[in-house]
Amino acid sequence: MERAVYKPLAMSRMREGVKCLPSGYWYSTRLRADSPAIDAMTDLRKVMPATITADASLTLANQTMIARSVRLLLVVNDKHEIVGLITARDTMGEKPVKTLRERGGTHGELKVADLMVPRNAIDVIDISTVERAEVGHVVATLKELGRQHALVVEKDALSGEEVLRGIFSATQISRLVSMTIHTFEIAHTFAQIESELAK
């Protein structure tokens, strides 16, 4: 309920030795598999997402990931709509080599658009599902998908539009629960498997 008069908050002088820690350190206890899943999610209402445009170079994508200490960039257009995503595995793995082998050219000519996962191939989890889940469910999902990340969406209460609410990262969850989570990109169709075997 809104008050007519608000009193100022009590304040004190900052003590010596106060630390400024990154967001992942704000847990007084380690998470467990049965901890609420939302506790392991990077909440994009509190943390600015790392973004890049589709026409940016791979060099800029790598530099942005290093500067932001992330392994995933959201690819956005000028309306802030997500058109894809790109990960460190996309920029540093076999994908650039395979693309250059098929198309020709040099590594310096590759753009984010050449290697990103397009929007229509991105799986998302609704925030209402996350709110009922535990960390173990998220780990099982990442393993099932063979991915390092999972995106969480929410319907905006004012506009009714779907917005990106959070990101789960296997690396971050591993750190928070003190366990190694092995996920890997896997071929999901016989055509992909045959293509890999033909190399």
Protein backbone atom coordinates (compact mmCIF):
# COMPACT_ATOMS: atom_id res chain seq x y z
CA MET A 1 0.00 0.00 0.00
CA GLU A 2 1.36 3.42 -0.98
CA ARG A 3 2.02 5.73 1.98
CA ALA A 4 1.56 9.50 2.11
CA VAL A 5 4.87 10.02 3.93
CA TYR A 6 8.08 7.99 3.67
CA LYS A 7 10.93 8.22 6.19
CA PRO A 8 14.55 8.08 4.96
CA LEU A 9 16.32 4.75 5.46
CA ALA A 10 18.92 4.33 8.19
CA MET A 11 22.50 4.54 6.88
CA SER A 12 26.02 3.99 8.20
CA ARG A 13 29.57 4.57 6.91
CA MET A 14 31.05 1.82 4.75
CA ARG A 15 33.49 -0.36 6.68
CA GLU A 16 36.98 -1.17 5.49
CA GLY A 17 37.31 -4.36 3.45
CA VAL A 18 33.85 -4.40 1.82
CA LYS A 19 34.14 -6.45 -1.40
CA CYS A 20 32.44 -6.08 -4.76
CA LEU A 21 31.78 -9.61 -6.00
CA PRO A 22 30.43 -10.85 -9.36
CA SER A 23 26.79 -11.93 -9.46
CA GLY A 24 27.55 -15.66 -9.24
CA TYR A 25 28.95 -15.28 -5.73
CA TRP A 26 25.76 -14.12 -4.05
CA TYR A 27 25.00 -17.50 -2.49
CA SER A 28 25.64 -18.01 1.22
CA THR A 29 25.33 -21.77 0.75
CA ARG A 30 25.96 -24.04 -2.19
CA LEU A 31 22.97 -25.12 -4.22
CA ARG A 32 21.90 -28.75 -4.36
CA ALA A 33 20.04 -30.78 -6.96
CA ASP A 34 16.80 -30.24 -5.00
CA SER A 35 17.29 -26.44 -4.66
CA PRO A 36 14.76 -24.24 -6.51
CA ALA A 37 15.77 -24.00 -10.17
CA ILE A 38 15.26 -20.24 -10.22
CA ASP A 39 18.17 -19.87 -7.76
CA ALA A 40 20.55 -21.16 -10.47
CA MET A 41 19.14 -18.95 -13.23
CA THR A 42 20.81 -15.75 -14.40
CA ASP A 43 17.88 -13.37 -13.98
CA LEU A 44 17.90 -10.86 -16.84
CA ARG A 45 15.83 -8.43 -14.77
CA LYS A 46 18.96 -8.06 -12.61
CA VAL A 47 21.81 -8.70 -15.07
CA MET A 48 22.15 -7.04 -18.47
CA PRO A 49 22.29 -9.72 -21.19
CA ALA A 50 25.33 -9.87 -23.47
CA THR A 51 24.23 -9.11 -27.03
CA ILE A 52 25.68 -8.69 -30.50
CA THR A 53 24.34 -8.06 -34.01
CA ALA A 54 24.24 -10.64 -36.79
CA ASP A 55 26.57 -8.59 -39.03
CA ALA A 56 29.33 -8.40 -36.39
CA SER A 57 32.60 -10.25 -36.98
CA LEU A 58 33.55 -13.46 -35.16
CA THR A 59 36.52 -11.58 -33.71
CA LEU A 60 34.17 -9.04 -32.12
CA ALA A 61 31.94 -11.88 -30.84
CA ASN A 62 34.93 -13.54 -29.13
CA GLN A 63 36.13 -10.23 -27.67
CA THR A 64 32.62 -9.49 -26.33
CA MET A 65 32.40 -12.92 -24.67
CA ILE A 66 35.78 -12.40 -23.01
CA ALA A 67 34.93 -8.86 -21.87
CA ARG A 68 31.58 -9.96 -20.41
CA SER A 69 32.91 -13.28 -19.02
CA VAL A 70 30.19 -15.25 -20.82
CA ARG A 71 30.11 -18.10 -23.30
CA LEU A 72 26.84 -17.11 -25.00
CA LEU A 73 25.75 -13.96 -26.83
CA LEU A 74 22.18 -13.17 -27.83
CA VAL A 75 22.02 -11.97 -31.43
CA VAL A 76 19.57 -9.06 -31.70
CA ASN A 77 18.26 -6.72 -34.39
CA ASP A 78 17.72 -2.96 -34.12
CA LYS A 79 14.32 -3.54 -32.41
CA HIS A 80 16.01 -5.61 -29.64
CA GLU A 81 14.33 -8.75 -31.01
CA ILE A 82 16.32 -11.96 -30.67
CA VAL A 83 17.22 -13.34 -34.10
CA GLY A 84 19.63 -16.02 -32.85
CA LEU A 85 22.36 -16.88 -30.40
CA ILE A 86 26.04 -17.71 -30.68
CA THR A 87 28.24 -19.56 -28.21
CA ALA A 88 31.96 -19.92 -27.67
CA ARG A 89 31.65 -23.44 -29.06
CA ASP A 90 30.20 -21.97 -32.28
CA THR A 91 33.05 -19.48 -32.71
CA MET A 92 35.99 -21.60 -31.54
CA GLY A 93 34.99 -25.15 -32.47
CA GLU A 94 34.70 -27.00 -35.76
CA LYS A 95 31.81 -24.89 -37.03
CA PRO A 96 33.95 -22.08 -38.53
CA VAL A 97 36.29 -24.60 -40.19
CA LYS A 98 33.36 -26.55 -41.65
CA THR A 99 31.71 -23.34 -42.89
CA LEU A 100 34.92 -22.16 -44.59
CA ARG A 101 35.44 -25.60 -46.14
CA GLU A 102 31.94 -25.45 -47.66
CA ARG A 103 31.93 -21.80 -48.73
CA GLY A 104 35.54 -20.76 -49.04
CA GLY A 105 36.93 -17.46 -47.78
CA THR A 106 38.95 -16.59 -44.69
CA HIS A 107 38.22 -16.75 -40.98
CA GLY A 108 38.31 -12.94 -40.80
CA GLU A 109 35.40 -12.74 -43.25
CA LEU A 110 33.04 -14.83 -41.12
CA LYS A 111 30.17 -13.00 -39.45
CA VAL A 112 27.99 -13.93 -36.47
CA ALA A 113 25.13 -14.62 -38.93
CA ASP A 114 27.23 -17.37 -40.56
CA LEU A 115 27.50 -19.45 -37.38
CA MET A 116 24.66 -18.42 -35.05
CA VAL A 117 21.79 -20.67 -34.06
CA PRO A 118 18.72 -19.00 -35.65
CA ARG A 119 15.74 -18.02 -33.49
CA ASN A 120 13.49 -20.73 -34.95
CA ALA A 121 15.95 -23.42 -33.75
CA ILE A 122 16.18 -22.15 -30.14
CA ASP A 123 14.28 -24.12 -27.49
CA VAL A 124 13.01 -22.12 -24.49
CA ILE A 125 11.52 -22.88 -21.06
CA ASP A 126 8.61 -20.84 -19.68
CA ILE A 127 9.27 -19.11 -16.35
CA SER A 128 6.18 -20.78 -14.84
CA THR A 129 7.83 -24.16 -15.46
CA VAL A 130 11.09 -22.95 -13.89
CA GLU A 131 9.27 -21.70 -10.78
CA ARG A 132 8.01 -25.24 -10.12
CA ALA A 133 11.30 -27.00 -10.93
CA GLU A 134 14.49 -27.90 -9.07
CA VAL A 135 18.12 -27.54 -10.16
CA GLY A 136 18.21 -31.28 -10.94
CA HIS A 137 15.47 -30.79 -13.55
CA VAL A 138 17.54 -28.13 -15.29
CA VAL A 139 20.65 -30.35 -15.31
CA ALA A 140 18.58 -33.21 -16.79
CA THR A 141 17.23 -30.84 -19.46
CA LEU A 142 20.70 -29.61 -20.46
CA LYS A 143 21.97 -33.20 -20.65
CA GLU A 144 18.95 -34.32 -22.70
CA LEU A 145 19.46 -31.44 -25.16
CA GLY A 146 23.24 -31.86 -25.17
CA ARG A 147 23.62 -28.12 -24.61
CA GLN A 148 25.50 -25.78 -22.29
CA HIS A 149 22.67 -23.24 -22.04
CA ALA A 150 18.90 -23.01 -21.78
CA LEU A 151 16.88 -19.82 -22.22
CA VAL A 152 13.86 -18.87 -20.10
CA VAL A 153 10.99 -16.72 -21.40
CA GLU A 154 8.14 -14.88 -19.72
CA LYS A 155 5.06 -13.05 -20.97
CA ASP A 156 5.31 -9.34 -20.17
CA ALA A 157 2.37 -8.34 -17.95
CA LEU A 158 1.94 -4.92 -19.61
CA SER A 159 2.50 -5.62 -23.30
CA GLY A 160 1.59 -9.31 -23.42
CA GLU A 161 4.75 -9.89 -25.50
CA GLU A 162 7.15 -12.72 -24.77
CA VAL A 163 10.46 -11.51 -23.33
CA LEU A 164 13.65 -13.28 -22.38
CA ARG A 165 13.68 -13.60 -18.59
CA GLY A 166 16.75 -15.70 -17.82
CA ILE A 167 19.54 -18.04 -18.86
CA PHE A 168 20.71 -21.32 -17.36
CA SER A 169 24.39 -22.13 -17.86
CA ALA A 170 25.87 -25.58 -17.23
CA THR A 171 29.15 -23.90 -16.21
CA GLN A 172 27.46 -21.69 -13.64
CA ILE A 173 25.35 -24.53 -12.25
CA SER A 174 28.49 -26.70 -11.97
CA ARG A 175 30.11 -23.99 -9.86
CA LEU A 176 27.04 -23.44 -7.68
CA VAL A 177 26.44 -27.13 -6.91
CA SER A 178 30.13 -28.15 -6.84
CA MET A 179 29.78 -30.86 -9.48
CA THR A 180 30.80 -31.34 -13.08
CA ILE A 181 27.98 -31.35 -15.60
CA HIS A 182 28.87 -33.05 -18.87
CA THR A 183 26.78 -31.84 -21.77
CA PHE A 184 27.75 -32.05 -25.41
CA GLU A 185 26.27 -31.11 -28.74
CA ILE A 186 24.81 -34.23 -30.31
CA ALA A 187 23.46 -35.01 -33.76
CA HIS A 188 19.67 -35.27 -33.51
CA THR A 189 18.82 -36.74 -36.92
CA PHE A 190 20.14 -39.62 -39.02
CA ALA A 191 21.09 -37.09 -41.71
CA GLN A 192 23.34 -35.23 -39.24
CA ILE A 193 24.92 -38.50 -38.09
CA GLU A 194 25.52 -39.63 -41.70
CA SER A 195 26.99 -36.23 -42.53
CA GLU A 196 29.45 -36.47 -39.64
CA LEU A 197 30.42 -40.06 -40.52
CA ALA A 198 31.05 -39.10 -44.17
CA LYS A 199 33.86 -36.68 -43.19
